[in-house]
Amino acid sequence: AMCPYVSDVKTSEDGSKYLYQAVQVKLDGEAVAIIYGYVNLKDLSNAMSSNAFDGQLQIYVADGETGDLLVDTWHNVLGNAYDESLMNRKTKAGYDFNKCKDDLKNNVPGYIAFWSNSAEEYMYSYYEPVGLNRWMVQVAVVESVVFARANSIRNVLFTLAILEAIIFIVYFVYIVSKVKKEKRI
């Protein structure tokens, strides 16, 4: 059995941010070794990816205590989730960045839909606790990708409605002309 340990974010002398981890190796219930390692946060973001939504899913991991981002697969710079420029972004009706901020601080899962300046459209996002330190994982997808299937279904239904209307009109004209012919005879 293994018992993992992951540190909070540590900053090296050159300003790079790291996570240190240790795994205790047990044999017959007794610790026989400890494996140590570290990962640069920039490398961690580059290593994370998802095939969901055809690879267009963005992944973030934030420290709920400080708001610092540990992983950001969308931007090249790790920012802070509590940055005022984020808090002032437009959200869809029913969503609020202050609630999101409170959820992150209190390790509570939730949803938010907000305007992305990078994508120039709304992003739909879900976040929940990682179960490690006070970290939260957040996944986000742009609106055009989220509703791509719904939009294609809507277009098919719209096309079918137009075809049905055309068939109805043709049938109606046919019936009216048939009734007129019968009345003349």
N, C-alpha and C. Protein backbone atom coordinates (compact mmCIF):
# COMPACT_ATOMS: atom_id res chain seq x y z
N ALA A 1 0.85 -1.19 0.00
CA ALA A 1 0.00 0.00 0.00
C ALA A 1 0.88 1.23 0.00
N MET A 2 0.37 2.32 -0.62
CA MET A 2 1.12 3.57 -0.67
C MET A 2 0.32 4.69 -0.03
N CYS A 3 1.01 5.62 0.61
CA CYS A 3 0.37 6.80 1.19
C CYS A 3 1.02 8.03 0.56
N PRO A 4 0.37 8.69 -0.40
CA PRO A 4 1.01 9.83 -1.07
C PRO A 4 0.97 11.11 -0.24
N TYR A 5 1.95 11.93 -0.46
CA TYR A 5 2.01 13.27 0.14
C TYR A 5 2.35 14.23 -0.98
N VAL A 6 1.62 15.33 -1.08
CA VAL A 6 1.92 16.38 -2.06
C VAL A 6 1.98 17.69 -1.29
N SER A 7 3.03 18.45 -1.52
CA SER A 7 3.21 19.72 -0.81
C SER A 7 2.30 20.79 -1.38
N ASP A 8 2.23 21.91 -0.67
CA ASP A 8 1.67 23.11 -1.25
C ASP A 8 2.68 23.61 -2.27
N VAL A 9 2.35 24.66 -3.00
CA VAL A 9 3.25 25.19 -4.01
C VAL A 9 4.47 25.81 -3.33
N LYS A 10 5.62 25.47 -3.84
CA LYS A 10 6.89 26.01 -3.33
C LYS A 10 7.53 26.81 -4.45
N THR A 11 8.24 27.87 -4.10
CA THR A 11 8.92 28.72 -5.08
C THR A 11 10.43 28.57 -4.92
N SER A 12 11.10 28.30 -6.03
CA SER A 12 12.56 28.14 -5.99
C SER A 12 13.22 29.52 -6.02
N GLU A 13 14.54 29.53 -5.91
CA GLU A 13 15.29 30.79 -5.92
C GLU A 13 15.13 31.55 -7.23
N ASP A 14 14.93 30.83 -8.34
CA ASP A 14 14.79 31.51 -9.63
C ASP A 14 13.33 31.92 -9.91
N GLY A 15 12.45 31.71 -8.95
CA GLY A 15 11.05 32.12 -9.10
C GLY A 15 10.14 31.06 -9.68
N SER A 16 10.69 29.92 -10.07
CA SER A 16 9.87 28.83 -10.59
C SER A 16 9.05 28.22 -9.47
N LYS A 17 7.85 27.76 -9.82
CA LYS A 17 6.97 27.16 -8.82
C LYS A 17 6.94 25.66 -9.00
N TYR A 18 7.02 24.96 -7.88
CA TYR A 18 7.11 23.51 -7.88
C TYR A 18 6.13 22.89 -6.90
N LEU A 19 5.84 21.64 -7.13
CA LEU A 19 5.16 20.79 -6.15
C LEU A 19 6.12 19.66 -5.82
N TYR A 20 6.23 19.34 -4.56
CA TYR A 20 7.03 18.21 -4.13
C TYR A 20 6.08 17.11 -3.70
N GLN A 21 6.45 15.88 -4.01
CA GLN A 21 5.61 14.78 -3.60
C GLN A 21 6.49 13.68 -3.02
N ALA A 22 5.86 12.92 -2.12
CA ALA A 22 6.54 11.78 -1.51
C ALA A 22 5.54 10.65 -1.41
N VAL A 23 6.02 9.45 -1.63
CA VAL A 23 5.18 8.27 -1.52
C VAL A 23 5.90 7.30 -0.59
N GLN A 24 5.21 6.90 0.45
CA GLN A 24 5.76 5.94 1.38
C GLN A 24 5.45 4.54 0.85
N VAL A 25 6.46 3.71 0.74
CA VAL A 25 6.29 2.34 0.27
C VAL A 25 6.29 1.43 1.49
N LYS A 26 5.20 0.68 1.61
CA LYS A 26 5.08 -0.23 2.77
C LYS A 26 5.13 -1.67 2.30
N LEU A 27 5.73 -2.49 3.11
CA LEU A 27 5.78 -3.92 2.87
C LEU A 27 5.35 -4.60 4.16
N ASP A 28 4.30 -5.37 4.07
CA ASP A 28 3.74 -6.04 5.25
C ASP A 28 3.41 -5.03 6.36
N GLY A 29 2.87 -3.87 5.95
CA GLY A 29 2.46 -2.85 6.92
C GLY A 29 3.58 -2.01 7.49
N GLU A 30 4.81 -2.23 7.04
CA GLU A 30 5.95 -1.49 7.57
C GLU A 30 6.57 -0.65 6.45
N ALA A 31 6.91 0.61 6.76
CA ALA A 31 7.54 1.49 5.77
C ALA A 31 8.94 0.98 5.47
N VAL A 32 9.18 0.71 4.17
CA VAL A 32 10.50 0.22 3.78
C VAL A 32 11.23 1.23 2.90
N ALA A 33 10.50 2.22 2.36
CA ALA A 33 11.14 3.22 1.51
C ALA A 33 10.22 4.42 1.35
N ILE A 34 10.82 5.52 0.95
CA ILE A 34 10.06 6.72 0.60
C ILE A 34 10.60 7.20 -0.75
N ILE A 35 9.69 7.42 -1.68
CA ILE A 35 10.07 7.92 -3.00
C ILE A 35 9.72 9.40 -3.05
N TYR A 36 10.71 10.24 -3.37
CA TYR A 36 10.50 11.69 -3.45
C TYR A 36 10.58 12.14 -4.90
N GLY A 37 9.87 13.22 -5.20
CA GLY A 37 9.96 13.80 -6.53
C GLY A 37 9.41 15.22 -6.52
N TYR A 38 9.58 15.91 -7.64
CA TYR A 38 9.03 17.26 -7.76
C TYR A 38 8.63 17.48 -9.22
N VAL A 39 7.73 18.44 -9.41
CA VAL A 39 7.29 18.79 -10.75
C VAL A 39 7.14 20.31 -10.83
N ASN A 40 7.64 20.87 -11.92
CA ASN A 40 7.50 22.30 -12.19
C ASN A 40 6.05 22.53 -12.65
N LEU A 41 5.40 23.55 -12.11
CA LEU A 41 3.99 23.79 -12.46
C LEU A 41 3.81 24.05 -13.95
N LYS A 42 4.79 24.68 -14.61
CA LYS A 42 4.67 24.90 -16.06
C LYS A 42 4.63 23.56 -16.79
N ASP A 43 5.43 22.61 -16.35
CA ASP A 43 5.44 21.28 -16.96
C ASP A 43 4.15 20.54 -16.69
N LEU A 44 3.57 20.76 -15.52
CA LEU A 44 2.33 20.09 -15.15
C LEU A 44 1.20 20.52 -16.07
N SER A 45 1.09 21.81 -16.36
CA SER A 45 0.05 22.30 -17.28
C SER A 45 0.22 21.72 -18.67
N ASN A 46 1.46 21.64 -19.13
CA ASN A 46 1.73 21.10 -20.47
C ASN A 46 1.43 19.61 -20.56
N ALA A 47 1.55 18.91 -19.45
CA ALA A 47 1.35 17.46 -19.44
C ALA A 47 -0.12 17.08 -19.38
N MET A 48 -0.97 18.00 -18.95
CA MET A 48 -2.39 17.69 -18.81
C MET A 48 -3.13 17.96 -20.11
N SER A 49 -4.01 17.04 -20.46
CA SER A 49 -4.86 17.22 -21.62
C SER A 49 -6.08 16.33 -21.46
N SER A 50 -7.06 16.58 -22.31
CA SER A 50 -8.27 15.79 -22.27
C SER A 50 -8.78 15.59 -23.69
N ASN A 51 -9.35 14.45 -23.95
CA ASN A 51 -9.95 14.19 -25.25
C ASN A 51 -11.41 14.59 -25.29
N ALA A 52 -11.96 14.99 -24.14
CA ALA A 52 -13.37 15.39 -24.08
C ALA A 52 -13.61 16.60 -24.98
N PHE A 53 -14.79 16.64 -25.56
CA PHE A 53 -15.17 17.73 -26.47
C PHE A 53 -14.14 17.91 -27.58
N ASP A 54 -13.70 16.80 -28.13
CA ASP A 54 -12.71 16.79 -29.22
C ASP A 54 -11.43 17.53 -28.84
N GLY A 55 -11.01 17.40 -27.59
CA GLY A 55 -9.77 18.00 -27.11
C GLY A 55 -9.88 19.48 -26.80
N GLN A 56 -11.09 20.03 -26.78
CA GLN A 56 -11.27 21.46 -26.54
C GLN A 56 -11.65 21.78 -25.10
N LEU A 57 -11.60 20.80 -24.22
CA LEU A 57 -11.87 21.00 -22.80
C LEU A 57 -10.65 21.64 -22.15
N GLN A 58 -10.85 22.72 -21.41
CA GLN A 58 -9.76 23.38 -20.69
C GLN A 58 -9.77 22.91 -19.24
N ILE A 59 -8.59 22.72 -18.67
CA ILE A 59 -8.47 22.22 -17.30
C ILE A 59 -7.69 23.24 -16.47
N TYR A 60 -8.22 23.51 -15.28
CA TYR A 60 -7.57 24.41 -14.34
C TYR A 60 -7.55 23.73 -12.97
N VAL A 61 -6.50 23.99 -12.21
CA VAL A 61 -6.47 23.58 -10.81
C VAL A 61 -6.07 24.83 -10.03
N ALA A 62 -6.90 25.19 -9.05
CA ALA A 62 -6.64 26.40 -8.26
C ALA A 62 -6.52 26.03 -6.79
N ASP A 63 -5.67 26.76 -6.10
CA ASP A 63 -5.55 26.64 -4.65
C ASP A 63 -6.67 27.48 -4.06
N GLY A 64 -7.62 26.84 -3.38
CA GLY A 64 -8.77 27.55 -2.83
C GLY A 64 -8.39 28.58 -1.77
N GLU A 65 -7.26 28.38 -1.11
CA GLU A 65 -6.83 29.30 -0.06
C GLU A 65 -6.28 30.61 -0.65
N THR A 66 -5.44 30.51 -1.68
CA THR A 66 -4.79 31.69 -2.24
C THR A 66 -5.37 32.14 -3.57
N GLY A 67 -6.05 31.21 -4.27
CA GLY A 67 -6.56 31.51 -5.61
C GLY A 67 -5.53 31.26 -6.70
N ASP A 68 -4.30 30.95 -6.33
CA ASP A 68 -3.25 30.72 -7.33
C ASP A 68 -3.58 29.50 -8.18
N LEU A 69 -3.37 29.64 -9.49
CA LEU A 69 -3.59 28.53 -10.40
C LEU A 69 -2.35 27.64 -10.43
N LEU A 70 -2.57 26.35 -10.27
CA LEU A 70 -1.49 25.37 -10.34
C LEU A 70 -1.41 24.77 -11.74
N VAL A 71 -2.56 24.71 -12.41
CA VAL A 71 -2.66 24.18 -13.76
C VAL A 71 -3.58 25.10 -14.54
N ASP A 72 -3.18 25.44 -15.77
CA ASP A 72 -4.01 26.23 -16.67
C ASP A 72 -3.64 25.79 -18.09
N THR A 73 -4.50 24.99 -18.70
CA THR A 73 -4.21 24.47 -20.03
C THR A 73 -4.60 25.45 -21.13
N TRP A 74 -5.18 26.60 -20.78
CA TRP A 74 -5.66 27.58 -21.77
C TRP A 74 -4.65 28.71 -21.97
N HIS A 75 -4.10 29.23 -20.89
CA HIS A 75 -3.19 30.38 -20.96
C HIS A 75 -1.75 29.95 -20.73
N ASN A 76 -0.80 30.76 -21.17
CA ASN A 76 0.62 30.44 -21.00
C ASN A 76 1.15 30.85 -19.63
N VAL A 77 0.43 31.69 -18.92
CA VAL A 77 0.88 32.19 -17.63
C VAL A 77 -0.10 31.72 -16.55
N LEU A 78 0.43 31.21 -15.45
CA LEU A 78 -0.43 30.82 -14.34
C LEU A 78 -0.85 32.07 -13.58
N GLY A 79 -2.13 32.31 -13.53
CA GLY A 79 -2.64 33.51 -12.87
C GLY A 79 -3.23 33.19 -11.52
N ASN A 80 -4.23 33.99 -11.14
CA ASN A 80 -4.90 33.82 -9.87
C ASN A 80 -6.41 33.88 -10.10
N ALA A 81 -7.12 32.91 -9.57
CA ALA A 81 -8.57 32.82 -9.77
C ALA A 81 -9.32 33.95 -9.08
N TYR A 82 -8.69 34.62 -8.12
CA TYR A 82 -9.34 35.72 -7.40
C TYR A 82 -8.99 37.09 -7.96
N ASP A 83 -8.32 37.11 -9.09
CA ASP A 83 -7.94 38.37 -9.75
C ASP A 83 -9.20 39.18 -10.04
N GLU A 84 -9.16 40.46 -9.72
CA GLU A 84 -10.32 41.33 -9.92
C GLU A 84 -10.77 41.42 -11.36
N SER A 85 -9.84 41.29 -12.31
CA SER A 85 -10.23 41.35 -13.72
C SER A 85 -11.13 40.16 -14.08
N LEU A 86 -10.94 39.02 -13.42
CA LEU A 86 -11.83 37.88 -13.63
C LEU A 86 -13.17 38.10 -12.93
N MET A 87 -13.11 38.62 -11.72
CA MET A 87 -14.32 38.81 -10.93
C MET A 87 -15.29 39.80 -11.59
N ASN A 88 -14.77 40.69 -12.43
CA ASN A 88 -15.61 41.70 -13.07
C ASN A 88 -16.12 41.29 -14.45
N ARG A 89 -15.81 40.07 -14.86
CA ARG A 89 -16.28 39.61 -16.18
C ARG A 89 -17.78 39.36 -16.18
N LYS A 90 -18.34 39.51 -17.36
CA LYS A 90 -19.76 39.28 -17.55
C LYS A 90 -20.05 37.79 -17.37
N THR A 91 -21.15 37.49 -16.68
CA THR A 91 -21.59 36.11 -16.50
C THR A 91 -22.99 35.95 -17.09
N LYS A 92 -23.34 34.72 -17.40
CA LYS A 92 -24.70 34.43 -17.85
C LYS A 92 -25.65 34.67 -16.67
N ALA A 93 -26.91 34.93 -16.98
CA ALA A 93 -27.92 35.15 -15.94
C ALA A 93 -27.96 33.95 -14.99
N GLY A 94 -27.98 34.23 -13.70
CA GLY A 94 -28.04 33.17 -12.69
C GLY A 94 -26.69 32.75 -12.16
N TYR A 95 -25.60 33.27 -12.73
CA TYR A 95 -24.26 32.92 -12.28
C TYR A 95 -23.59 34.16 -11.70
N ASP A 96 -22.66 33.94 -10.77
CA ASP A 96 -22.01 35.06 -10.10
C ASP A 96 -20.57 34.66 -9.73
N PHE A 97 -19.61 35.50 -10.11
CA PHE A 97 -18.21 35.21 -9.79
C PHE A 97 -17.96 35.24 -8.28
N ASN A 98 -18.69 36.07 -7.55
CA ASN A 98 -18.49 36.10 -6.10
C ASN A 98 -18.89 34.77 -5.46
N LYS A 99 -19.96 34.15 -5.95
CA LYS A 99 -20.35 32.82 -5.47
C LYS A 99 -19.27 31.81 -5.83
N CYS A 100 -18.75 31.90 -7.04
CA CYS A 100 -17.68 31.01 -7.47
C CYS A 100 -16.46 31.17 -6.55
N LYS A 101 -16.11 32.41 -6.25
CA LYS A 101 -14.97 32.68 -5.37
C LYS A 101 -15.22 32.09 -3.98
N ASP A 102 -16.42 32.26 -3.45
CA ASP A 102 -16.77 31.68 -2.15
C ASP A 102 -16.70 30.16 -2.19
N ASP A 103 -17.21 29.58 -3.30
CA ASP A 103 -17.16 28.12 -3.45
C ASP A 103 -15.72 27.63 -3.44
N LEU A 104 -14.84 28.32 -4.18
CA LEU A 104 -13.43 27.92 -4.22
C LEU A 104 -12.80 28.00 -2.84
N LYS A 105 -13.08 29.08 -2.11
CA LYS A 105 -12.51 29.26 -0.78
C LYS A 105 -13.03 28.21 0.20
N ASN A 106 -14.30 27.81 0.03
CA ASN A 106 -14.92 26.86 0.96
C ASN A 106 -14.91 25.42 0.47
N ASN A 107 -14.22 25.17 -0.65
CA ASN A 107 -14.09 23.81 -1.20
C ASN A 107 -15.46 23.19 -1.52
N VAL A 108 -16.31 23.99 -2.18
CA VAL A 108 -17.67 23.56 -2.54
C VAL A 108 -17.76 23.48 -4.06
N PRO A 109 -18.28 22.38 -4.62
CA PRO A 109 -18.41 22.27 -6.08
C PRO A 109 -19.48 23.21 -6.61
N GLY A 110 -19.38 23.55 -7.90
CA GLY A 110 -20.39 24.42 -8.50
C GLY A 110 -20.17 24.61 -9.99
N TYR A 111 -21.02 25.47 -10.56
CA TYR A 111 -21.01 25.79 -11.99
C TYR A 111 -20.90 27.29 -12.18
N ILE A 112 -20.35 27.70 -13.32
CA ILE A 112 -20.37 29.10 -13.70
C ILE A 112 -20.28 29.20 -15.23
N ALA A 113 -20.94 30.19 -15.78
CA ALA A 113 -20.85 30.48 -17.21
C ALA A 113 -20.44 31.95 -17.31
N PHE A 114 -19.31 32.21 -17.95
CA PHE A 114 -18.75 33.56 -17.99
C PHE A 114 -18.18 33.87 -19.36
N TRP A 115 -18.02 35.16 -19.63
CA TRP A 115 -17.47 35.63 -20.89
C TRP A 115 -15.96 35.44 -20.88
N SER A 116 -15.43 34.83 -21.94
CA SER A 116 -13.99 34.65 -22.10
C SER A 116 -13.48 35.67 -23.10
N ASN A 117 -12.56 36.51 -22.66
CA ASN A 117 -11.97 37.48 -23.57
C ASN A 117 -11.09 36.79 -24.62
N SER A 118 -10.45 35.68 -24.23
CA SER A 118 -9.59 34.95 -25.16
C SER A 118 -10.39 34.31 -26.28
N ALA A 119 -11.51 33.66 -25.92
CA ALA A 119 -12.32 32.96 -26.91
C ALA A 119 -13.36 33.86 -27.57
N GLU A 120 -13.62 34.99 -26.95
CA GLU A 120 -14.65 35.94 -27.41
C GLU A 120 -16.03 35.29 -27.49
N GLU A 121 -16.32 34.46 -26.49
CA GLU A 121 -17.63 33.85 -26.33
C GLU A 121 -17.73 33.33 -24.89
N TYR A 122 -18.92 32.89 -24.52
CA TYR A 122 -19.10 32.39 -23.16
C TYR A 122 -18.43 31.04 -22.99
N MET A 123 -17.95 30.79 -21.76
CA MET A 123 -17.40 29.49 -21.39
C MET A 123 -18.30 28.93 -20.30
N TYR A 124 -18.57 27.64 -20.39
CA TYR A 124 -19.35 26.94 -19.38
C TYR A 124 -18.38 26.09 -18.57
N SER A 125 -18.48 26.18 -17.24
CA SER A 125 -17.47 25.58 -16.40
C SER A 125 -18.07 24.87 -15.19
N TYR A 126 -17.42 23.79 -14.77
CA TYR A 126 -17.77 23.07 -13.55
C TYR A 126 -16.50 22.94 -12.72
N TYR A 127 -16.63 23.09 -11.41
CA TYR A 127 -15.48 22.96 -10.52
C TYR A 127 -15.86 22.13 -9.31
N GLU A 128 -14.86 21.41 -8.78
CA GLU A 128 -15.08 20.61 -7.58
C GLU A 128 -13.75 20.36 -6.87
N PRO A 129 -13.81 20.03 -5.58
CA PRO A 129 -12.57 19.79 -4.82
C PRO A 129 -11.80 18.59 -5.35
N VAL A 130 -10.48 18.69 -5.30
CA VAL A 130 -9.60 17.61 -5.73
C VAL A 130 -9.50 16.55 -4.63
N GLY A 131 -9.62 16.99 -3.38
CA GLY A 131 -9.43 16.06 -2.26
C GLY A 131 -8.00 16.09 -1.75
N LEU A 132 -7.24 17.09 -2.18
CA LEU A 132 -5.84 17.23 -1.80
C LEU A 132 -5.60 18.70 -1.49
N ASN A 133 -5.01 18.95 -0.33
CA ASN A 133 -4.82 20.32 0.14
C ASN A 133 -6.17 21.05 0.04
N ARG A 134 -6.22 22.28 -0.42
CA ARG A 134 -7.50 22.98 -0.62
C ARG A 134 -7.67 23.27 -2.11
N TRP A 135 -7.27 22.34 -2.93
CA TRP A 135 -7.26 22.53 -4.36
C TRP A 135 -8.61 22.19 -4.97
N MET A 136 -8.93 22.92 -6.03
CA MET A 136 -10.16 22.70 -6.79
C MET A 136 -9.79 22.49 -8.25
N VAL A 137 -10.41 21.51 -8.89
CA VAL A 137 -10.23 21.31 -10.32
C VAL A 137 -11.43 21.94 -11.02
N GLN A 138 -11.16 22.61 -12.11
CA GLN A 138 -12.21 23.26 -12.88
C GLN A 138 -12.02 22.89 -14.34
N VAL A 139 -13.11 22.51 -14.99
CA VAL A 139 -13.08 22.23 -16.42
C VAL A 139 -14.00 23.23 -17.10
N ALA A 140 -13.61 23.67 -18.30
CA ALA A 140 -14.38 24.69 -19.00
C ALA A 140 -14.35 24.42 -20.50
N VAL A 141 -15.47 24.73 -21.15
CA VAL A 141 -15.61 24.55 -22.59
C VAL A 141 -16.35 25.76 -23.15
N VAL A 142 -15.92 26.23 -24.32
CA VAL A 142 -16.57 27.39 -24.94
C VAL A 142 -17.98 27.00 -25.41
N GLU A 143 -18.85 28.00 -25.45
CA GLU A 143 -20.27 27.80 -25.77
C GLU A 143 -20.48 27.14 -27.13
N SER A 144 -19.72 27.55 -28.13
CA SER A 144 -19.92 26.98 -29.47
C SER A 144 -19.66 25.48 -29.49
N VAL A 145 -18.75 25.00 -28.66
CA VAL A 145 -18.45 23.57 -28.59
C VAL A 145 -19.51 22.86 -27.74
N VAL A 146 -19.89 23.48 -26.63
CA VAL A 146 -20.88 22.87 -25.74
C VAL A 146 -22.19 22.63 -26.48
N PHE A 147 -22.62 23.61 -27.27
CA PHE A 147 -23.91 23.51 -27.93
C PHE A 147 -23.82 23.10 -29.40
N ALA A 148 -22.67 22.61 -29.84
CA ALA A 148 -22.50 22.23 -31.25
C ALA A 148 -23.53 21.18 -31.66
N ARG A 149 -23.70 20.15 -30.87
CA ARG A 149 -24.67 19.10 -31.20
C ARG A 149 -26.09 19.63 -31.13
N ALA A 150 -26.38 20.43 -30.12
CA ALA A 150 -27.73 20.99 -29.99
C ALA A 150 -28.03 21.89 -31.18
N ASN A 151 -27.05 22.67 -31.63
CA ASN A 151 -27.27 23.55 -32.78
C ASN A 151 -27.50 22.75 -34.05
N SER A 152 -26.78 21.65 -34.23
CA SER A 152 -26.99 20.84 -35.43
C SER A 152 -28.37 20.18 -35.39
N ILE A 153 -28.80 19.74 -34.22
CA ILE A 153 -30.15 19.16 -34.09
C ILE A 153 -31.20 20.23 -34.37
N ARG A 154 -31.00 21.43 -33.85
CA ARG A 154 -31.93 22.53 -34.11
C ARG A 154 -32.02 22.81 -35.61
N ASN A 155 -30.90 22.81 -36.30
CA ASN A 155 -30.90 23.06 -37.75
C ASN A 155 -31.66 21.97 -38.50
N VAL A 156 -31.48 20.71 -38.10
CA VAL A 156 -32.20 19.61 -38.73
C VAL A 156 -33.70 19.76 -38.49
N LEU A 157 -34.07 20.07 -37.25
CA LEU A 157 -35.49 20.25 -36.93
C LEU A 157 -36.08 21.43 -37.70
N PHE A 158 -35.33 22.50 -37.84
CA PHE A 158 -35.79 23.67 -38.59
C PHE A 158 -36.01 23.30 -40.06
N THR A 159 -35.07 22.56 -40.63
CA THR A 159 -35.19 22.12 -42.02
C THR A 159 -36.41 21.21 -42.19
N LEU A 160 -36.61 20.29 -41.26
CA LEU A 160 -37.78 19.42 -41.32
C LEU A 160 -39.08 20.21 -41.19
N ALA A 161 -39.09 21.23 -40.35
CA ALA A 161 -40.29 22.07 -40.20
C ALA A 161 -40.60 22.81 -41.50
N ILE A 162 -39.58 23.31 -42.17
CA ILE A 162 -39.78 24.00 -43.46
C ILE A 162 -40.31 23.02 -44.49
N LEU A 163 -39.73 21.81 -44.56
CA LEU A 163 -40.21 20.80 -45.50
C LEU A 163 -41.66 20.43 -45.21
N GLU A 164 -41.99 20.28 -43.94
CA GLU A 164 -43.36 19.96 -43.56
C GLU A 164 -44.31 21.08 -43.98
N ALA A 165 -43.92 22.33 -43.78
CA ALA A 165 -44.75 23.46 -44.18
C ALA A 165 -44.95 23.48 -45.69
N ILE A 166 -43.89 23.22 -46.45
CA ILE A 166 -44.00 23.20 -47.91
C ILE A 166 -44.94 22.07 -48.36
N ILE A 167 -44.79 20.90 -47.78
CA ILE A 167 -45.67 19.78 -48.13
C ILE A 167 -47.11 20.11 -47.77
N PHE A 168 -47.33 20.72 -46.62
CA PHE A 168 -48.68 21.11 -46.21
C PHE A 168 -49.28 22.11 -47.19
N ILE A 169 -48.50 23.11 -47.58
CA ILE A 169 -49.01 24.13 -48.51
C ILE A 169 -49.35 23.49 -49.86
N VAL A 170 -48.46 22.63 -50.36
CA VAL A 170 -48.72 21.95 -51.64
C VAL A 170 -49.99 21.10 -51.54
N TYR A 171 -50.12 20.36 -50.45
CA TYR A 171 -51.30 19.53 -50.26
C TYR A 171 -52.56 20.39 -50.15
N PHE A 172 -52.47 21.50 -49.42
CA PHE A 172 -53.62 22.41 -49.26
C PHE A 172 -54.04 22.97 -50.62
N VAL A 173 -53.08 23.42 -51.42
CA VAL A 173 -53.39 23.95 -52.75
C VAL A 173 -54.02 22.85 -53.60
N TYR A 174 -53.51 21.65 -53.52
CA TYR A 174 -54.06 20.53 -54.28
C TYR A 174 -55.52 20.26 -53.88
N ILE A 175 -55.79 20.22 -52.59
CA ILE A 175 -57.16 19.96 -52.11
C ILE A 175 -58.10 21.08 -52.54
N VAL A 176 -57.67 22.33 -52.40
CA VAL A 176 -58.50 23.47 -52.79
C VAL A 176 -58.80 23.39 -54.29
N SER A 177 -57.79 23.12 -55.11
CA SER A 177 -58.02 23.04 -56.56
C SER A 177 -58.94 21.86 -56.90
N LYS A 178 -58.82 20.76 -56.19
CA LYS A 178 -59.67 19.60 -56.43
C LYS A 178 -61.13 19.92 -56.07
N VAL A 179 -61.33 20.59 -54.95
CA VAL A 179 -62.68 20.98 -54.52
C VAL A 179 -63.28 21.96 -55.54
N LYS A 180 -62.50 22.90 -56.05
CA LYS A 180 -63.00 23.86 -57.04
C LYS A 180 -63.42 23.12 -58.32
N LYS A 181 -62.62 22.15 -58.76
CA LYS A 181 -62.93 21.37 -59.95
C LYS A 181 -64.24 20.59 -59.74
N GLU A 182 -64.41 20.00 -58.58
CA GLU A 182 -65.61 19.20 -58.29
C GLU A 182 -66.85 20.09 -58.26
N LYS A 183 -66.71 21.32 -57.78
CA LYS A 183 -67.85 22.23 -57.72
C LYS A 183 -68.26 22.67 -59.12
N ARG A 184 -67.35 22.74 -60.05
CA ARG A 184 -67.66 23.16 -61.43
C ARG A 184 -68.38 22.05 -62.19
N ILE A 185 -68.14 20.84 -61.85
CA ILE A 185 -68.73 19.73 -62.60
C ILE A 185 -70.17 19.54 -62.25
